[in-house]
Amino acid sequence: MTLSLRHLAMPFVVGCALVIGASIGRAATPITFDTYPNGTAISAQYLAQGVKFSSFGSPCTIFLDAAEATSSPNILVGVGGSVYRDIDVTMVDPATGLPSAAWRACHVALNVISVGWSAVTVTSFDGAGAVLQSFPLSYPAGPQNGFGKVDHLEFTTPGIAKVSMHFTNVNFGDGIGIDDVLVDFACNTPAQGSTWGRLKQLYR
């Protein structure tokens, strides 16, 4: 897959919800998407970690991209294997697979893989659908396909019910996916005290 971005990384914090204490004690383990083969439809496979993945209401897809994955060989892309479709990461109760006020994350981190001339916005929402933080990403200076570029995003405003990657402009020479998703329901360290997310560009 070929992908990248020259972005306008301006974190936008609109509000701060309280994290619910019922989920304290859950350890955060990065989701690497490397335990399933290329082409696998991904939705509820990570329920044990309190997470579901979707793309326009359908499962997302494992995509073999060993040259760009931050934990090789796989990344996650949209429905039907499309590298031009939105991705939603929804926090859920592992017992029911449904969103719950008792399962709100205080920290979500992920890598956006290969943003180039396309434009995406990655946003965290609270349980009422209000925006917590938002990162617009685009690299109009190229390369068009964004090959090898990684945007590491961290959402640290607590009360996160969902994180969405939404295409605001699609350039069909540039496809995008995600990798190494970490969802933390028990942030008790000083490092997670900030209400401002961090954005780092990692070049491989």
N, C-alpha and C. Protein backbone atom coordinates (compact mmCIF):
# COMPACT_ATOMS: atom_id res chain seq x y z
N MET A 1 0.85 -1.19 0.00
CA MET A 1 0.00 0.00 0.00
C MET A 1 0.87 1.22 0.00
N THR A 2 0.48 2.27 -0.70
CA THR A 2 1.26 3.50 -0.74
C THR A 2 0.46 4.64 -0.13
N LEU A 3 1.06 5.37 0.81
CA LEU A 3 0.36 6.34 1.64
C LEU A 3 1.27 7.44 2.24
N SER A 4 0.85 8.72 2.79
CA SER A 4 1.64 9.79 3.49
C SER A 4 0.90 11.08 3.83
N LEU A 5 1.60 12.28 4.38
CA LEU A 5 0.97 13.58 4.76
C LEU A 5 1.93 14.71 5.16
N ARG A 6 1.68 15.98 4.81
CA ARG A 6 2.28 17.17 5.41
C ARG A 6 1.14 17.84 6.14
N HIS A 7 1.05 17.66 7.45
CA HIS A 7 -0.20 17.95 8.12
C HIS A 7 -0.21 19.26 8.87
N LEU A 8 -1.41 19.63 9.23
CA LEU A 8 -1.65 20.79 10.07
C LEU A 8 -2.03 20.24 11.43
N ALA A 9 -1.06 19.84 12.23
CA ALA A 9 -1.35 19.11 13.45
C ALA A 9 -1.67 20.07 14.57
N MET A 10 -2.93 20.41 14.71
CA MET A 10 -3.37 21.31 15.74
C MET A 10 -4.38 20.61 16.62
N PRO A 11 -3.96 20.10 17.76
CA PRO A 11 -4.91 19.43 18.64
C PRO A 11 -6.03 20.38 19.01
N PHE A 12 -7.24 19.90 18.98
CA PHE A 12 -8.40 20.71 19.30
C PHE A 12 -9.17 20.05 20.42
N VAL A 13 -9.12 20.65 21.60
CA VAL A 13 -9.78 20.08 22.76
C VAL A 13 -11.05 20.86 23.03
N VAL A 14 -12.17 20.17 22.99
CA VAL A 14 -13.44 20.85 23.17
C VAL A 14 -13.99 20.65 24.56
N GLY A 15 -13.69 19.53 25.17
CA GLY A 15 -14.25 19.29 26.49
C GLY A 15 -13.49 18.21 27.21
N CYS A 16 -13.85 17.98 28.42
CA CYS A 16 -13.17 16.95 29.21
C CYS A 16 -14.20 16.24 30.06
N ALA A 17 -14.42 14.96 29.76
CA ALA A 17 -15.39 14.18 30.53
C ALA A 17 -14.67 13.45 31.64
N LEU A 18 -15.40 13.08 32.67
CA LEU A 18 -14.83 12.33 33.78
C LEU A 18 -14.69 10.87 33.42
N VAL A 19 -13.56 10.29 33.75
CA VAL A 19 -13.39 8.87 33.51
C VAL A 19 -14.15 8.08 34.56
N ILE A 20 -14.79 7.01 34.14
CA ILE A 20 -15.58 6.20 35.05
C ILE A 20 -14.69 5.18 35.75
N GLY A 21 -14.82 5.06 37.05
CA GLY A 21 -13.91 4.24 37.83
C GLY A 21 -14.16 2.76 37.77
N ALA A 22 -15.28 2.32 37.19
CA ALA A 22 -15.60 0.90 37.22
C ALA A 22 -14.62 0.05 36.44
N SER A 23 -13.91 0.67 35.49
CA SER A 23 -13.01 -0.12 34.66
C SER A 23 -11.56 -0.03 35.10
N ILE A 24 -11.29 0.61 36.24
CA ILE A 24 -9.93 0.73 36.73
C ILE A 24 -9.36 -0.66 37.00
N GLY A 25 -8.11 -0.85 36.62
CA GLY A 25 -7.46 -2.13 36.86
C GLY A 25 -7.17 -2.90 35.59
N ARG A 26 -7.74 -2.47 34.45
CA ARG A 26 -7.49 -3.15 33.19
C ARG A 26 -6.15 -2.68 32.61
N ALA A 27 -5.31 -3.63 32.25
CA ALA A 27 -4.03 -3.29 31.65
C ALA A 27 -4.20 -2.99 30.17
N ALA A 28 -3.39 -2.07 29.67
CA ALA A 28 -3.45 -1.71 28.26
C ALA A 28 -2.38 -2.49 27.49
N THR A 29 -2.81 -3.19 26.45
CA THR A 29 -1.90 -3.95 25.60
C THR A 29 -2.10 -3.50 24.16
N PRO A 30 -1.04 -3.12 23.46
CA PRO A 30 -1.21 -2.67 22.08
C PRO A 30 -1.83 -3.74 21.19
N ILE A 31 -2.73 -3.33 20.32
CA ILE A 31 -3.33 -4.22 19.33
C ILE A 31 -2.54 -4.05 18.04
N THR A 32 -1.87 -5.11 17.61
CA THR A 32 -0.94 -5.03 16.48
C THR A 32 -1.52 -5.54 15.16
N PHE A 33 -2.65 -6.25 15.22
CA PHE A 33 -3.32 -6.80 14.04
C PHE A 33 -2.48 -7.87 13.33
N ASP A 34 -1.53 -8.45 14.05
CA ASP A 34 -0.62 -9.41 13.42
C ASP A 34 -0.96 -10.87 13.72
N THR A 35 -2.04 -11.12 14.45
CA THR A 35 -2.41 -12.50 14.77
C THR A 35 -3.43 -13.08 13.78
N TYR A 36 -3.88 -12.25 12.83
CA TYR A 36 -4.84 -12.70 11.83
C TYR A 36 -4.25 -12.51 10.43
N PRO A 37 -4.61 -13.37 9.48
CA PRO A 37 -4.04 -13.26 8.13
C PRO A 37 -4.63 -12.11 7.32
N ASN A 38 -3.91 -11.76 6.28
CA ASN A 38 -4.34 -10.72 5.35
C ASN A 38 -5.77 -10.98 4.85
N GLY A 39 -6.60 -9.95 4.87
CA GLY A 39 -7.96 -10.06 4.38
C GLY A 39 -8.99 -10.42 5.43
N THR A 40 -8.57 -10.71 6.66
CA THR A 40 -9.52 -11.06 7.73
C THR A 40 -10.40 -9.87 8.07
N ALA A 41 -11.71 -10.10 8.15
CA ALA A 41 -12.64 -9.06 8.60
C ALA A 41 -12.53 -8.92 10.11
N ILE A 42 -12.35 -7.69 10.59
CA ILE A 42 -12.11 -7.44 12.01
C ILE A 42 -13.22 -6.59 12.58
N SER A 43 -13.87 -7.11 13.62
CA SER A 43 -14.91 -6.36 14.32
C SER A 43 -14.82 -6.60 15.81
N ALA A 44 -15.19 -7.83 16.23
CA ALA A 44 -15.28 -8.13 17.67
C ALA A 44 -14.14 -9.00 18.18
N GLN A 45 -13.09 -9.17 17.40
CA GLN A 45 -12.00 -10.06 17.83
C GLN A 45 -11.25 -9.55 19.05
N TYR A 46 -11.36 -8.25 19.34
CA TYR A 46 -10.61 -7.68 20.46
C TYR A 46 -11.53 -7.23 21.60
N LEU A 47 -12.67 -7.89 21.72
CA LEU A 47 -13.61 -7.56 22.80
C LEU A 47 -12.98 -7.70 24.17
N ALA A 48 -12.10 -8.66 24.34
CA ALA A 48 -11.47 -8.87 25.65
C ALA A 48 -10.70 -7.65 26.11
N GLN A 49 -10.30 -6.80 25.16
CA GLN A 49 -9.60 -5.56 25.49
C GLN A 49 -10.53 -4.36 25.50
N GLY A 50 -11.83 -4.62 25.40
CA GLY A 50 -12.81 -3.54 25.48
C GLY A 50 -12.91 -2.70 24.23
N VAL A 51 -12.65 -3.30 23.06
CA VAL A 51 -12.58 -2.53 21.81
C VAL A 51 -13.29 -3.28 20.68
N LYS A 52 -14.05 -2.52 19.87
CA LYS A 52 -14.59 -3.03 18.61
C LYS A 52 -14.15 -2.11 17.48
N PHE A 53 -13.96 -2.68 16.30
CA PHE A 53 -13.55 -1.91 15.13
C PHE A 53 -14.65 -1.98 14.07
N SER A 54 -14.89 -0.86 13.39
CA SER A 54 -15.90 -0.85 12.34
C SER A 54 -15.54 0.19 11.28
N SER A 55 -16.19 0.03 10.12
CA SER A 55 -16.00 0.95 9.00
C SER A 55 -17.35 1.09 8.31
N PHE A 56 -18.00 2.23 8.51
CA PHE A 56 -19.35 2.46 7.99
C PHE A 56 -20.31 1.35 8.43
N GLY A 57 -20.17 0.92 9.69
CA GLY A 57 -21.07 -0.07 10.26
C GLY A 57 -20.71 -1.51 9.92
N SER A 58 -19.67 -1.71 9.14
CA SER A 58 -19.22 -3.05 8.76
C SER A 58 -17.83 -3.32 9.35
N PRO A 59 -17.38 -4.57 9.33
CA PRO A 59 -16.05 -4.85 9.86
C PRO A 59 -14.94 -4.15 9.07
N CYS A 60 -13.85 -3.88 9.75
CA CYS A 60 -12.62 -3.42 9.09
C CYS A 60 -11.89 -4.64 8.53
N THR A 61 -10.69 -4.42 7.99
CA THR A 61 -9.99 -5.50 7.29
C THR A 61 -8.50 -5.49 7.61
N ILE A 62 -7.94 -6.67 7.87
CA ILE A 62 -6.49 -6.81 7.99
C ILE A 62 -5.86 -6.62 6.61
N PHE A 63 -4.80 -5.80 6.57
CA PHE A 63 -4.13 -5.48 5.31
C PHE A 63 -2.64 -5.74 5.46
N LEU A 64 -2.10 -6.58 4.60
CA LEU A 64 -0.68 -6.90 4.64
C LEU A 64 0.13 -5.73 4.07
N ASP A 65 0.94 -5.11 4.93
CA ASP A 65 1.74 -3.95 4.53
C ASP A 65 3.05 -3.96 5.32
N ALA A 66 3.83 -5.00 5.08
CA ALA A 66 5.04 -5.22 5.88
C ALA A 66 6.03 -4.07 5.79
N ALA A 67 6.04 -3.35 4.67
CA ALA A 67 7.00 -2.27 4.48
C ALA A 67 6.66 -1.03 5.30
N GLU A 68 5.39 -0.90 5.72
CA GLU A 68 4.98 0.32 6.42
C GLU A 68 4.42 0.09 7.82
N ALA A 69 3.97 -1.11 8.11
CA ALA A 69 3.41 -1.40 9.43
C ALA A 69 4.43 -1.09 10.52
N THR A 70 3.97 -0.49 11.62
CA THR A 70 4.89 -0.20 12.72
C THR A 70 5.12 -1.43 13.58
N SER A 71 4.23 -2.41 13.49
CA SER A 71 4.49 -3.75 14.01
C SER A 71 4.19 -4.70 12.86
N SER A 72 5.20 -4.98 12.08
CA SER A 72 5.03 -5.74 10.83
C SER A 72 4.50 -7.16 11.11
N PRO A 73 3.64 -7.70 10.20
CA PRO A 73 3.46 -7.23 8.83
C PRO A 73 2.13 -6.52 8.53
N ASN A 74 1.18 -6.51 9.47
CA ASN A 74 -0.18 -6.08 9.14
C ASN A 74 -0.53 -4.71 9.69
N ILE A 75 -1.50 -4.07 9.00
CA ILE A 75 -2.18 -2.89 9.52
C ILE A 75 -3.68 -3.14 9.39
N LEU A 76 -4.49 -2.17 9.85
CA LEU A 76 -5.95 -2.27 9.72
C LEU A 76 -6.43 -1.20 8.76
N VAL A 77 -7.30 -1.60 7.81
CA VAL A 77 -7.89 -0.65 6.88
C VAL A 77 -9.42 -0.81 6.92
N GLY A 78 -10.09 -0.10 6.02
CA GLY A 78 -11.54 -0.03 6.07
C GLY A 78 -12.26 -1.27 5.54
N VAL A 79 -13.57 -1.14 5.44
CA VAL A 79 -14.43 -2.23 5.02
C VAL A 79 -14.02 -2.73 3.63
N GLY A 80 -14.09 -4.05 3.45
CA GLY A 80 -13.78 -4.64 2.15
C GLY A 80 -12.34 -4.50 1.72
N GLY A 81 -11.44 -4.20 2.67
CA GLY A 81 -10.04 -4.02 2.33
C GLY A 81 -9.71 -2.68 1.72
N SER A 82 -10.66 -1.74 1.76
CA SER A 82 -10.43 -0.43 1.17
C SER A 82 -9.49 0.41 2.02
N VAL A 83 -8.52 1.05 1.37
CA VAL A 83 -7.60 1.96 2.06
C VAL A 83 -8.09 3.40 1.98
N TYR A 84 -9.36 3.58 1.59
CA TYR A 84 -9.96 4.91 1.48
C TYR A 84 -11.25 5.03 2.29
N ARG A 85 -11.40 4.21 3.31
CA ARG A 85 -12.64 4.22 4.08
C ARG A 85 -12.38 4.55 5.54
N ASP A 86 -13.36 5.19 6.18
CA ASP A 86 -13.24 5.58 7.58
C ASP A 86 -13.10 4.35 8.48
N ILE A 87 -12.49 4.58 9.65
CA ILE A 87 -12.35 3.53 10.67
C ILE A 87 -12.80 4.09 12.01
N ASP A 88 -13.65 3.33 12.72
CA ASP A 88 -14.08 3.69 14.07
C ASP A 88 -13.53 2.68 15.07
N VAL A 89 -13.00 3.20 16.17
CA VAL A 89 -12.54 2.39 17.29
C VAL A 89 -13.47 2.70 18.46
N THR A 90 -14.33 1.76 18.83
CA THR A 90 -15.36 1.99 19.84
C THR A 90 -15.04 1.22 21.11
N MET A 91 -15.13 1.92 22.26
CA MET A 91 -14.90 1.28 23.54
C MET A 91 -16.19 0.57 23.98
N VAL A 92 -16.07 -0.69 24.40
CA VAL A 92 -17.26 -1.48 24.74
C VAL A 92 -17.01 -2.28 26.01
N ASP A 93 -18.11 -2.73 26.60
CA ASP A 93 -18.05 -3.67 27.71
C ASP A 93 -17.69 -5.04 27.14
N PRO A 94 -16.58 -5.64 27.56
CA PRO A 94 -16.19 -6.94 27.00
C PRO A 94 -17.24 -8.03 27.17
N ALA A 95 -18.06 -7.92 28.20
CA ALA A 95 -19.05 -8.96 28.47
C ALA A 95 -20.23 -8.90 27.50
N THR A 96 -20.53 -7.71 26.99
CA THR A 96 -21.71 -7.54 26.14
C THR A 96 -21.37 -7.12 24.71
N GLY A 97 -20.19 -6.56 24.52
CA GLY A 97 -19.82 -6.03 23.21
C GLY A 97 -20.50 -4.72 22.88
N LEU A 98 -21.13 -4.10 23.88
CA LEU A 98 -21.87 -2.85 23.68
C LEU A 98 -21.20 -1.70 24.41
N PRO A 99 -21.36 -0.47 23.90
CA PRO A 99 -20.84 0.70 24.62
C PRO A 99 -21.45 0.79 26.00
N SER A 100 -20.65 1.25 26.96
CA SER A 100 -21.11 1.34 28.34
C SER A 100 -20.43 2.51 29.02
N ALA A 101 -21.19 3.21 29.87
CA ALA A 101 -20.62 4.32 30.63
C ALA A 101 -19.51 3.86 31.55
N ALA A 102 -19.50 2.57 31.89
CA ALA A 102 -18.46 2.02 32.75
C ALA A 102 -17.18 1.70 31.99
N TRP A 103 -17.23 1.83 30.67
CA TRP A 103 -16.06 1.52 29.84
C TRP A 103 -15.75 2.71 28.95
N ARG A 104 -15.11 3.70 29.56
CA ARG A 104 -14.63 4.88 28.86
C ARG A 104 -13.11 4.94 29.04
N ALA A 105 -12.38 5.10 27.98
CA ALA A 105 -10.92 5.11 28.06
C ALA A 105 -10.41 6.47 28.51
N CYS A 106 -9.28 6.46 29.20
CA CYS A 106 -8.64 7.70 29.60
C CYS A 106 -7.45 8.03 28.71
N HIS A 107 -7.03 7.07 27.88
CA HIS A 107 -5.88 7.26 27.00
C HIS A 107 -6.00 6.30 25.83
N VAL A 108 -5.93 6.84 24.63
CA VAL A 108 -5.90 6.01 23.42
C VAL A 108 -4.73 6.49 22.57
N ALA A 109 -3.91 5.56 22.11
CA ALA A 109 -2.80 5.88 21.21
C ALA A 109 -2.89 4.98 19.98
N LEU A 110 -2.50 5.51 18.84
CA LEU A 110 -2.49 4.71 17.62
C LEU A 110 -1.54 5.35 16.61
N ASN A 111 -1.15 4.56 15.62
CA ASN A 111 -0.33 5.05 14.52
C ASN A 111 -1.17 5.11 13.26
N VAL A 112 -1.21 6.27 12.63
CA VAL A 112 -1.86 6.42 11.33
C VAL A 112 -0.79 6.20 10.27
N ILE A 113 -1.06 5.24 9.39
CA ILE A 113 -0.03 4.77 8.47
C ILE A 113 -0.22 5.35 7.08
N SER A 114 0.80 6.06 6.59
CA SER A 114 0.95 6.43 5.19
C SER A 114 -0.02 7.47 4.68
N VAL A 115 -0.13 8.59 5.38
CA VAL A 115 -0.95 9.69 4.88
C VAL A 115 -0.12 10.51 3.90
N GLY A 116 -0.69 10.78 2.73
CA GLY A 116 -0.03 11.59 1.72
C GLY A 116 -0.92 12.73 1.29
N TRP A 117 -1.40 12.70 0.05
CA TRP A 117 -2.25 13.78 -0.45
C TRP A 117 -3.69 13.69 0.04
N SER A 118 -4.11 12.54 0.49
CA SER A 118 -5.43 12.47 1.12
C SER A 118 -5.41 13.26 2.42
N ALA A 119 -6.59 13.59 2.92
CA ALA A 119 -6.71 14.29 4.20
C ALA A 119 -7.64 13.50 5.10
N VAL A 120 -7.20 13.27 6.34
CA VAL A 120 -8.03 12.60 7.32
C VAL A 120 -8.03 13.41 8.60
N THR A 121 -9.09 13.26 9.38
CA THR A 121 -9.15 13.84 10.72
C THR A 121 -9.42 12.70 11.69
N VAL A 122 -8.60 12.61 12.72
CA VAL A 122 -8.75 11.57 13.72
C VAL A 122 -9.23 12.24 15.00
N THR A 123 -10.38 11.80 15.51
CA THR A 123 -11.09 12.52 16.57
C THR A 123 -11.52 11.56 17.67
N SER A 124 -11.40 12.01 18.91
CA SER A 124 -11.96 11.25 20.04
C SER A 124 -13.26 11.91 20.48
N PHE A 125 -14.22 11.07 20.90
CA PHE A 125 -15.55 11.53 21.32
C PHE A 125 -15.88 10.97 22.69
N ASP A 126 -16.69 11.71 23.44
CA ASP A 126 -17.19 11.18 24.70
C ASP A 126 -18.48 10.39 24.44
N GLY A 127 -19.10 9.90 25.51
CA GLY A 127 -20.28 9.06 25.36
C GLY A 127 -21.49 9.76 24.79
N ALA A 128 -21.51 11.11 24.86
CA ALA A 128 -22.62 11.88 24.30
C ALA A 128 -22.34 12.32 22.87
N GLY A 129 -21.18 11.93 22.34
CA GLY A 129 -20.83 12.30 20.98
C GLY A 129 -20.12 13.63 20.85
N ALA A 130 -19.76 14.25 21.98
CA ALA A 130 -19.04 15.52 21.94
C ALA A 130 -17.56 15.27 21.65
N VAL A 131 -16.96 16.17 20.88
CA VAL A 131 -15.55 16.04 20.53
C VAL A 131 -14.68 16.34 21.74
N LEU A 132 -13.71 15.46 21.98
CA LEU A 132 -12.72 15.68 23.04
C LEU A 132 -11.43 16.24 22.45
N GLN A 133 -10.87 15.57 21.47
CA GLN A 133 -9.65 16.02 20.80
C GLN A 133 -9.74 15.65 19.33
N SER A 134 -9.05 16.43 18.49
CA SER A 134 -9.11 16.17 17.06
C SER A 134 -7.79 16.54 16.40
N PHE A 135 -7.28 15.66 15.52
CA PHE A 135 -6.03 15.89 14.81
C PHE A 135 -6.28 15.83 13.30
N PRO A 136 -6.22 16.96 12.60
CA PRO A 136 -6.31 16.93 11.14
C PRO A 136 -4.95 16.60 10.54
N LEU A 137 -4.92 15.69 9.58
CA LEU A 137 -3.67 15.24 8.98
C LEU A 137 -3.73 15.33 7.46
N SER A 138 -2.75 15.97 6.85
CA SER A 138 -2.64 16.01 5.39
C SER A 138 -1.25 16.50 5.01
N TYR A 139 -0.70 15.95 3.93
CA TYR A 139 0.64 16.32 3.46
C TYR A 139 0.58 16.71 1.98
N PRO A 140 0.05 17.88 1.65
CA PRO A 140 -0.07 18.27 0.24
C PRO A 140 1.27 18.43 -0.46
N ALA A 141 2.36 18.58 0.31
CA ALA A 141 3.69 18.68 -0.31
C ALA A 141 4.22 17.32 -0.75
N GLY A 142 3.51 16.27 -0.36
CA GLY A 142 3.87 14.94 -0.82
C GLY A 142 4.88 14.22 0.06
N PRO A 143 5.25 13.01 -0.33
CA PRO A 143 4.86 12.38 -1.59
C PRO A 143 3.37 12.04 -1.64
N GLN A 144 2.86 11.91 -2.85
CA GLN A 144 1.43 11.69 -3.01
C GLN A 144 0.94 10.48 -2.23
N ASN A 145 1.72 9.40 -2.27
CA ASN A 145 1.26 8.16 -1.65
C ASN A 145 1.64 8.04 -0.19
N GLY A 146 2.43 9.00 0.34
CA GLY A 146 2.78 9.01 1.76
C GLY A 146 3.57 7.82 2.22
N PHE A 147 4.23 7.16 1.31
CA PHE A 147 4.90 5.90 1.67
C PHE A 147 5.88 6.09 2.81
N GLY A 148 5.76 5.23 3.83
CA GLY A 148 6.69 5.22 4.95
C GLY A 148 6.42 6.22 6.04
N LYS A 149 5.39 7.05 5.89
CA LYS A 149 5.11 8.04 6.93
C LYS A 149 4.20 7.46 8.00
N VAL A 150 4.49 7.85 9.24
CA VAL A 150 3.71 7.40 10.39
C VAL A 150 3.38 8.61 11.25
N ASP A 151 2.11 8.79 11.56
CA ASP A 151 1.69 9.81 12.52
C ASP A 151 1.24 9.11 13.80
N HIS A 152 1.99 9.32 14.86
CA HIS A 152 1.65 8.73 16.15
C HIS A 152 0.77 9.71 16.91
N LEU A 153 -0.46 9.31 17.21
CA LEU A 153 -1.41 10.18 17.90
C LEU A 153 -1.70 9.64 19.29
N GLU A 154 -1.83 10.55 20.25
CA GLU A 154 -2.22 10.17 21.60
C GLU A 154 -3.37 11.06 22.06
N PHE A 155 -4.44 10.40 22.49
CA PHE A 155 -5.62 11.09 23.02
C PHE A 155 -5.62 10.90 24.53
N THR A 156 -5.51 11.99 25.28
CA THR A 156 -5.34 11.90 26.73
C THR A 156 -6.42 12.62 27.51
N THR A 157 -7.42 13.17 26.84
CA THR A 157 -8.57 13.72 27.54
C THR A 157 -9.47 12.55 27.92
N PRO A 158 -9.72 12.31 29.21
CA PRO A 158 -10.45 11.10 29.62
C PRO A 158 -11.92 11.12 29.23
N GLY A 159 -12.54 9.95 29.35
CA GLY A 159 -13.94 9.80 29.01
C GLY A 159 -14.16 9.41 27.56
N ILE A 160 -13.16 8.77 26.95
CA ILE A 160 -13.22 8.46 25.52
C ILE A 160 -14.13 7.27 25.26
N ALA A 161 -15.17 7.50 24.45
CA ALA A 161 -16.08 6.42 24.06
C ALA A 161 -15.77 5.89 22.66
N LYS A 162 -15.17 6.74 21.83
CA LYS A 162 -14.88 6.34 20.44
C LYS A 162 -13.77 7.21 19.88
N VAL A 163 -12.94 6.62 19.03
CA VAL A 163 -11.97 7.36 18.23
C VAL A 163 -12.26 7.03 16.76
N SER A 164 -12.39 8.07 15.94
CA SER A 164 -12.74 7.86 14.53
C SER A 164 -11.70 8.48 13.62
N MET A 165 -11.33 7.75 12.58
CA MET A 165 -10.50 8.29 11.50
C MET A 165 -11.41 8.53 10.30
N HIS A 166 -11.58 9.81 9.94
CA HIS A 166 -12.54 10.18 8.90
C HIS A 166 -11.81 10.85 7.73
N PHE A 167 -12.05 10.36 6.53
CA PHE A 167 -11.49 10.98 5.34
C PHE A 167 -12.25 12.26 5.02
N THR A 168 -11.54 13.38 4.97
CA THR A 168 -12.14 14.65 4.56
C THR A 168 -11.83 14.96 3.10
N ASN A 169 -10.81 14.30 2.56
CA ASN A 169 -10.49 14.40 1.14
C ASN A 169 -9.78 13.11 0.73
N VAL A 170 -10.28 12.48 -0.33
CA VAL A 170 -9.69 11.24 -0.81
C VAL A 170 -8.90 11.51 -2.08
N ASN A 171 -7.62 11.14 -2.05
CA ASN A 171 -6.79 11.15 -3.25
C ASN A 171 -6.48 9.70 -3.57
N PHE A 172 -6.90 9.24 -4.74
CA PHE A 172 -6.84 7.81 -5.00
C PHE A 172 -5.44 7.28 -5.29
N GLY A 173 -4.43 8.14 -5.17
CA GLY A 173 -3.07 7.65 -5.18
C GLY A 173 -2.53 7.44 -3.79
N ASP A 174 -3.38 7.63 -2.79
CA ASP A 174 -2.93 7.64 -1.40
C ASP A 174 -3.94 6.93 -0.51
N GLY A 175 -3.59 5.76 0.00
CA GLY A 175 -4.45 5.03 0.92
C GLY A 175 -3.89 5.04 2.32
N ILE A 176 -4.75 4.82 3.32
CA ILE A 176 -4.36 5.02 4.72
C ILE A 176 -4.91 3.89 5.59
N GLY A 177 -4.15 3.52 6.62
CA GLY A 177 -4.59 2.55 7.61
C GLY A 177 -4.09 2.93 8.99
N ILE A 178 -4.30 2.04 9.97
CA ILE A 178 -3.83 2.29 11.34
C ILE A 178 -3.11 1.05 11.85
N ASP A 179 -2.29 1.25 12.90
CA ASP A 179 -1.57 0.14 13.50
C ASP A 179 -1.29 0.46 14.96
N ASP A 180 -0.99 -0.58 15.73
CA ASP A 180 -0.57 -0.46 17.13
C ASP A 180 -1.51 0.43 17.96
N VAL A 181 -2.76 -0.01 18.03
CA VAL A 181 -3.77 0.72 18.80
C VAL A 181 -3.69 0.31 20.26
N LEU A 182 -3.54 1.29 21.14
CA LEU A 182 -3.51 1.04 22.58
C LEU A 182 -4.67 1.78 23.23
N VAL A 183 -5.48 1.06 23.99
CA VAL A 183 -6.62 1.65 24.70
C VAL A 183 -6.45 1.38 26.18
N ASP A 184 -6.39 2.44 26.96
CA ASP A 184 -6.14 2.33 28.40
C ASP A 184 -7.37 2.81 29.17
N PHE A 185 -7.90 1.92 30.01
CA PHE A 185 -9.06 2.26 30.83
C PHE A 185 -8.66 2.62 32.26
N ALA A 186 -7.37 2.62 32.57
CA ALA A 186 -6.93 2.82 33.95
C ALA A 186 -5.67 3.66 33.99
N CYS A 187 -5.79 4.93 33.66
CA CYS A 187 -4.63 5.83 33.65
C CYS A 187 -4.42 6.41 35.04
N ASN A 188 -3.42 5.92 35.71
CA ASN A 188 -3.16 6.38 37.07
C ASN A 188 -1.76 6.97 37.21
N THR A 189 -1.10 7.27 36.08
CA THR A 189 0.25 7.81 36.13
C THR A 189 0.25 9.28 35.79
N PRO A 190 1.21 10.06 36.29
CA PRO A 190 1.27 11.49 35.99
C PRO A 190 1.35 11.79 34.50
N ALA A 191 1.91 10.88 33.74
CA ALA A 191 2.07 11.11 32.31
C ALA A 191 0.73 11.26 31.60
N GLN A 192 -0.34 10.74 32.19
CA GLN A 192 -1.64 10.84 31.56
C GLN A 192 -2.47 11.99 32.14
N GLY A 193 -1.87 12.88 32.91
CA GLY A 193 -2.62 13.94 33.54
C GLY A 193 -2.97 15.09 32.63
N SER A 194 -2.28 15.24 31.50
CA SER A 194 -2.52 16.37 30.62
C SER A 194 -3.84 16.22 29.88
N THR A 195 -4.54 17.34 29.65
CA THR A 195 -5.76 17.32 28.85
C THR A 195 -5.47 17.61 27.39
N TRP A 196 -4.19 17.79 27.07
CA TRP A 196 -3.80 18.04 25.68
C TRP A 196 -3.12 16.80 25.11
N GLY A 197 -3.58 16.37 23.97
CA GLY A 197 -2.96 15.23 23.30
C GLY A 197 -1.61 15.61 22.73
N ARG A 198 -0.83 14.59 22.40
CA ARG A 198 0.46 14.81 21.79
C ARG A 198 0.44 14.20 20.40
N LEU A 199 1.13 14.90 19.50
CA LEU A 199 1.24 14.38 18.13
C LEU A 199 2.71 14.38 17.74
N LYS A 200 3.20 13.22 17.35
CA LYS A 200 4.58 13.11 16.92
C LYS A 200 4.61 12.49 15.53
N GLN A 201 5.40 13.06 14.65
CA GLN A 201 5.60 12.46 13.33
C GLN A 201 6.81 11.54 13.41
N LEU A 202 6.62 10.32 13.03
CA LEU A 202 7.71 9.36 13.03
C LEU A 202 8.02 8.99 11.59
N TYR A 203 9.24 9.16 11.20
CA TYR A 203 9.65 8.84 9.83
C TYR A 203 10.50 7.58 9.85
N ARG A 204 10.13 6.60 9.08
CA ARG A 204 10.81 5.31 9.07
C ARG A 204 11.76 5.21 7.89
